Amino acid sequence: MKKITFIAVVILAAVSCTPQENPSLNEGIVVSDAWLRPPLPGKVSAGYFNITNHGDKADKLVAAESPIAGSIELHTVAMADGVMKMRRVDAVDLAPGETVSFKPGGLHLMLFDVELAADRNDARVTLIFENAEPVTVLAALTNTPARKTDDHTNH
């Protein structure tokens, strides 16, 4: 009986140590190249990044939040009557396999009531999706785009 118990324990230990199916880094929502403009007078800033949906289902970016901002809105810039106008959008669609770029002159985050210590050179921003788990990135505070790196992957 002791031998059977010992064998059962060894088998359970071996099974529990067997690698589980791990999602690859190319699955789920991947956010890269996140950066924020330093706040302007009036405590307003803008945020930029790339989102890639490596999943097999469509999703939507529906909101964003940050401890440095009183509120954040999703915005786009579009030409209307010959004038570039910024407008708020409720959500941004993310088709499977698609990368959506938030960049100057297009989709972006607008951060309002920004409170930031003078010595800070980055800030955390959490992106909230309709289906995927929230993704938090560390965005550099700069006036130029971030270098090409993956900031965070959510599985």
Protein backbone atom coordinates (compact mmCIF):
# COMPACT_ATOMS: atom_id res chain seq x y z
CA MET A 1 0.00 0.00 0.00
CA LYS A 2 2.86 2.39 0.83
CA LYS A 3 4.39 1.64 -2.58
CA ILE A 4 1.13 2.51 -4.38
CA THR A 5 0.77 5.72 -2.37
CA PHE A 6 4.37 6.67 -3.16
CA ILE A 7 3.84 6.02 -6.90
CA ALA A 8 0.63 8.05 -6.86
CA VAL A 9 2.43 10.98 -5.18
CA VAL A 10 5.27 10.80 -7.74
CA ILE A 11 2.79 10.74 -10.65
CA LEU A 12 0.84 13.71 -9.21
CA ALA A 13 4.07 15.64 -8.69
CA ALA A 14 5.19 14.91 -12.25
CA VAL A 15 1.85 15.96 -13.71
CA SER A 16 1.75 19.17 -11.68
CA CYS A 17 5.26 20.07 -12.88
CA THR A 18 4.43 19.45 -16.52
CA PRO A 19 4.31 22.77 -18.35
CA GLN A 20 0.77 23.88 -18.98
CA GLU A 21 -0.25 25.29 -22.31
CA ASN A 22 1.13 28.82 -22.05
CA PRO A 23 -0.21 31.49 -24.38
CA SER A 24 2.45 32.87 -26.67
CA LEU A 25 3.45 36.50 -26.53
CA ASN A 26 1.56 36.95 -29.78
CA GLU A 27 -1.87 36.21 -28.30
CA GLY A 28 -4.26 38.61 -26.65
CA ILE A 29 -4.04 42.38 -26.53
CA VAL A 30 -0.55 43.88 -26.89
CA VAL A 31 0.08 47.57 -26.21
CA SER A 32 3.38 49.06 -27.37
CA ASP A 33 5.17 52.38 -27.85
CA ALA A 34 3.17 54.23 -25.16
CA TRP A 35 3.99 57.89 -24.54
CA LEU A 36 2.33 60.98 -23.10
CA ARG A 37 2.94 64.61 -23.90
CA PRO A 38 4.02 66.61 -20.86
CA PRO A 39 0.97 68.43 -19.47
CA LEU A 40 0.15 71.82 -20.95
CA PRO A 41 -1.04 74.76 -18.88
CA GLY A 42 -4.55 73.89 -17.78
CA LYS A 43 -3.32 70.40 -16.84
CA VAL A 44 -4.15 68.75 -20.18
CA SER A 45 -2.09 66.05 -21.87
CA ALA A 46 -2.42 63.60 -24.77
CA GLY A 47 -1.49 59.92 -24.92
CA TYR A 48 -0.34 57.76 -27.80
CA PHE A 49 0.43 54.04 -28.31
CA ASN A 50 -0.25 51.05 -30.56
CA ILE A 51 -2.74 48.30 -29.69
CA THR A 52 -2.58 44.95 -31.47
CA ASN A 53 -5.35 42.38 -31.08
CA HIS A 54 -3.59 39.03 -31.47
CA GLY A 55 -6.74 37.23 -30.33
CA ASP A 56 -9.27 35.53 -32.56
CA LYS A 57 -12.22 37.69 -31.40
CA ALA A 58 -12.99 41.36 -31.98
CA ASP A 59 -12.75 43.67 -28.99
CA LYS A 60 -13.09 47.38 -28.22
CA LEU A 61 -11.09 49.87 -26.23
CA VAL A 62 -13.79 51.56 -24.16
CA ALA A 63 -11.95 53.67 -21.58
CA ALA A 64 -8.65 54.59 -19.97
CA GLU A 65 -7.61 55.71 -16.51
CA SER A 66 -4.49 56.91 -14.77
CA PRO A 67 -3.64 57.99 -11.25
CA ILE A 68 -2.23 61.24 -12.69
CA ALA A 69 -5.46 62.31 -14.46
CA GLY A 70 -8.85 63.36 -13.17
CA SER A 71 -10.40 61.93 -16.32
CA ILE A 72 -9.38 60.48 -19.69
CA GLU A 73 -11.34 60.48 -22.93
CA LEU A 74 -10.81 58.64 -26.22
CA HIS A 75 -10.52 61.20 -29.03
CA THR A 76 -9.96 61.37 -32.76
CA VAL A 77 -9.05 64.19 -35.11
CA ALA A 78 -10.97 64.53 -38.35
CA MET A 79 -11.34 67.09 -41.12
CA ALA A 80 -14.74 68.85 -41.00
CA ASP A 81 -15.60 71.76 -43.30
CA GLY A 82 -11.92 72.23 -44.11
CA VAL A 83 -10.92 72.44 -40.45
CA MET A 84 -9.25 69.79 -38.32
CA LYS A 85 -11.52 69.10 -35.38
CA MET A 86 -11.03 66.91 -32.36
CA ARG A 87 -13.99 64.87 -31.17
CA ARG A 88 -14.65 62.33 -28.44
CA VAL A 89 -15.36 58.71 -29.39
CA ASP A 90 -17.11 56.16 -27.18
CA ALA A 91 -14.99 53.16 -28.22
CA VAL A 92 -12.31 52.04 -30.67
CA ASP A 93 -12.86 48.76 -32.50
CA LEU A 94 -10.06 46.18 -32.49
CA ALA A 95 -10.55 43.48 -35.12
CA PRO A 96 -8.66 40.19 -34.74
CA GLY A 97 -5.10 40.58 -36.05
CA GLU A 98 -5.45 44.35 -36.31
CA THR A 99 -3.10 47.02 -34.97
CA VAL A 100 -4.63 50.41 -34.17
CA SER A 101 -2.27 53.35 -33.75
CA PHE A 102 -3.03 56.22 -31.41
CA LYS A 103 -0.86 59.04 -32.78
CA PRO A 104 -0.74 62.81 -33.17
CA GLY A 105 -3.31 63.96 -35.73
CA GLY A 106 -5.47 60.85 -35.26
CA LEU A 107 -6.78 58.69 -32.45
CA HIS A 108 -5.39 59.66 -29.05
CA LEU A 109 -6.17 59.86 -25.36
CA MET A 110 -6.99 63.25 -23.82
CA LEU A 111 -6.00 63.44 -20.16
CA PHE A 112 -7.63 66.17 -18.08
CA ASP A 113 -6.76 67.62 -14.66
CA VAL A 114 -3.28 66.11 -14.81
CA GLU A 115 -1.36 66.21 -11.53
CA LEU A 116 2.24 65.13 -11.96
CA ALA A 117 5.30 65.51 -9.77
CA ALA A 118 7.95 67.69 -11.44
CA ASP A 119 10.55 64.90 -11.29
CA ARG A 120 8.35 62.32 -13.08
CA ASN A 121 9.31 61.19 -16.58
CA ASP A 122 6.63 58.50 -16.96
CA ALA A 123 3.13 57.61 -15.81
CA ARG A 124 0.96 54.51 -15.63
CA VAL A 125 -2.10 54.37 -17.89
CA THR A 126 -4.65 51.56 -17.77
CA LEU A 127 -6.57 50.74 -20.94
CA ILE A 128 -9.99 49.16 -20.45
CA PHE A 129 -11.50 46.85 -23.04
CA GLU A 130 -14.99 45.51 -23.63
CA ASN A 131 -13.85 41.87 -23.33
CA ALA A 132 -10.13 41.61 -22.55
CA GLU A 133 -8.67 42.25 -19.12
CA PRO A 134 -7.41 45.81 -18.55
CA VAL A 135 -3.84 46.50 -19.70
CA THR A 136 -1.60 48.87 -17.73
CA VAL A 137 1.37 50.46 -19.48
CA LEU A 138 4.13 52.75 -18.29
CA ALA A 139 4.09 55.67 -20.72
CA ALA A 140 7.11 57.93 -21.13
CA LEU A 141 6.51 61.67 -20.79
CA THR A 142 8.04 63.16 -23.92
CA ASN A 143 7.27 65.37 -26.91
CA THR A 144 8.38 62.68 -29.34
CA PRO A 145 7.15 59.13 -30.00
CA ALA A 146 8.50 56.28 -27.90
CA ARG A 147 10.99 53.82 -29.33
CA LYS A 148 9.65 50.58 -30.80
CA THR A 149 9.22 48.17 -27.89
CA ASP A 150 6.42 46.11 -26.38
CA ASP A 151 5.32 47.84 -23.21
CA HIS A 152 2.83 45.25 -22.04
CA THR A 153 1.04 42.14 -23.12
CA ASN A 154 -2.27 41.00 -21.68
CA HIS A 155 -3.26 37.34 -22.01
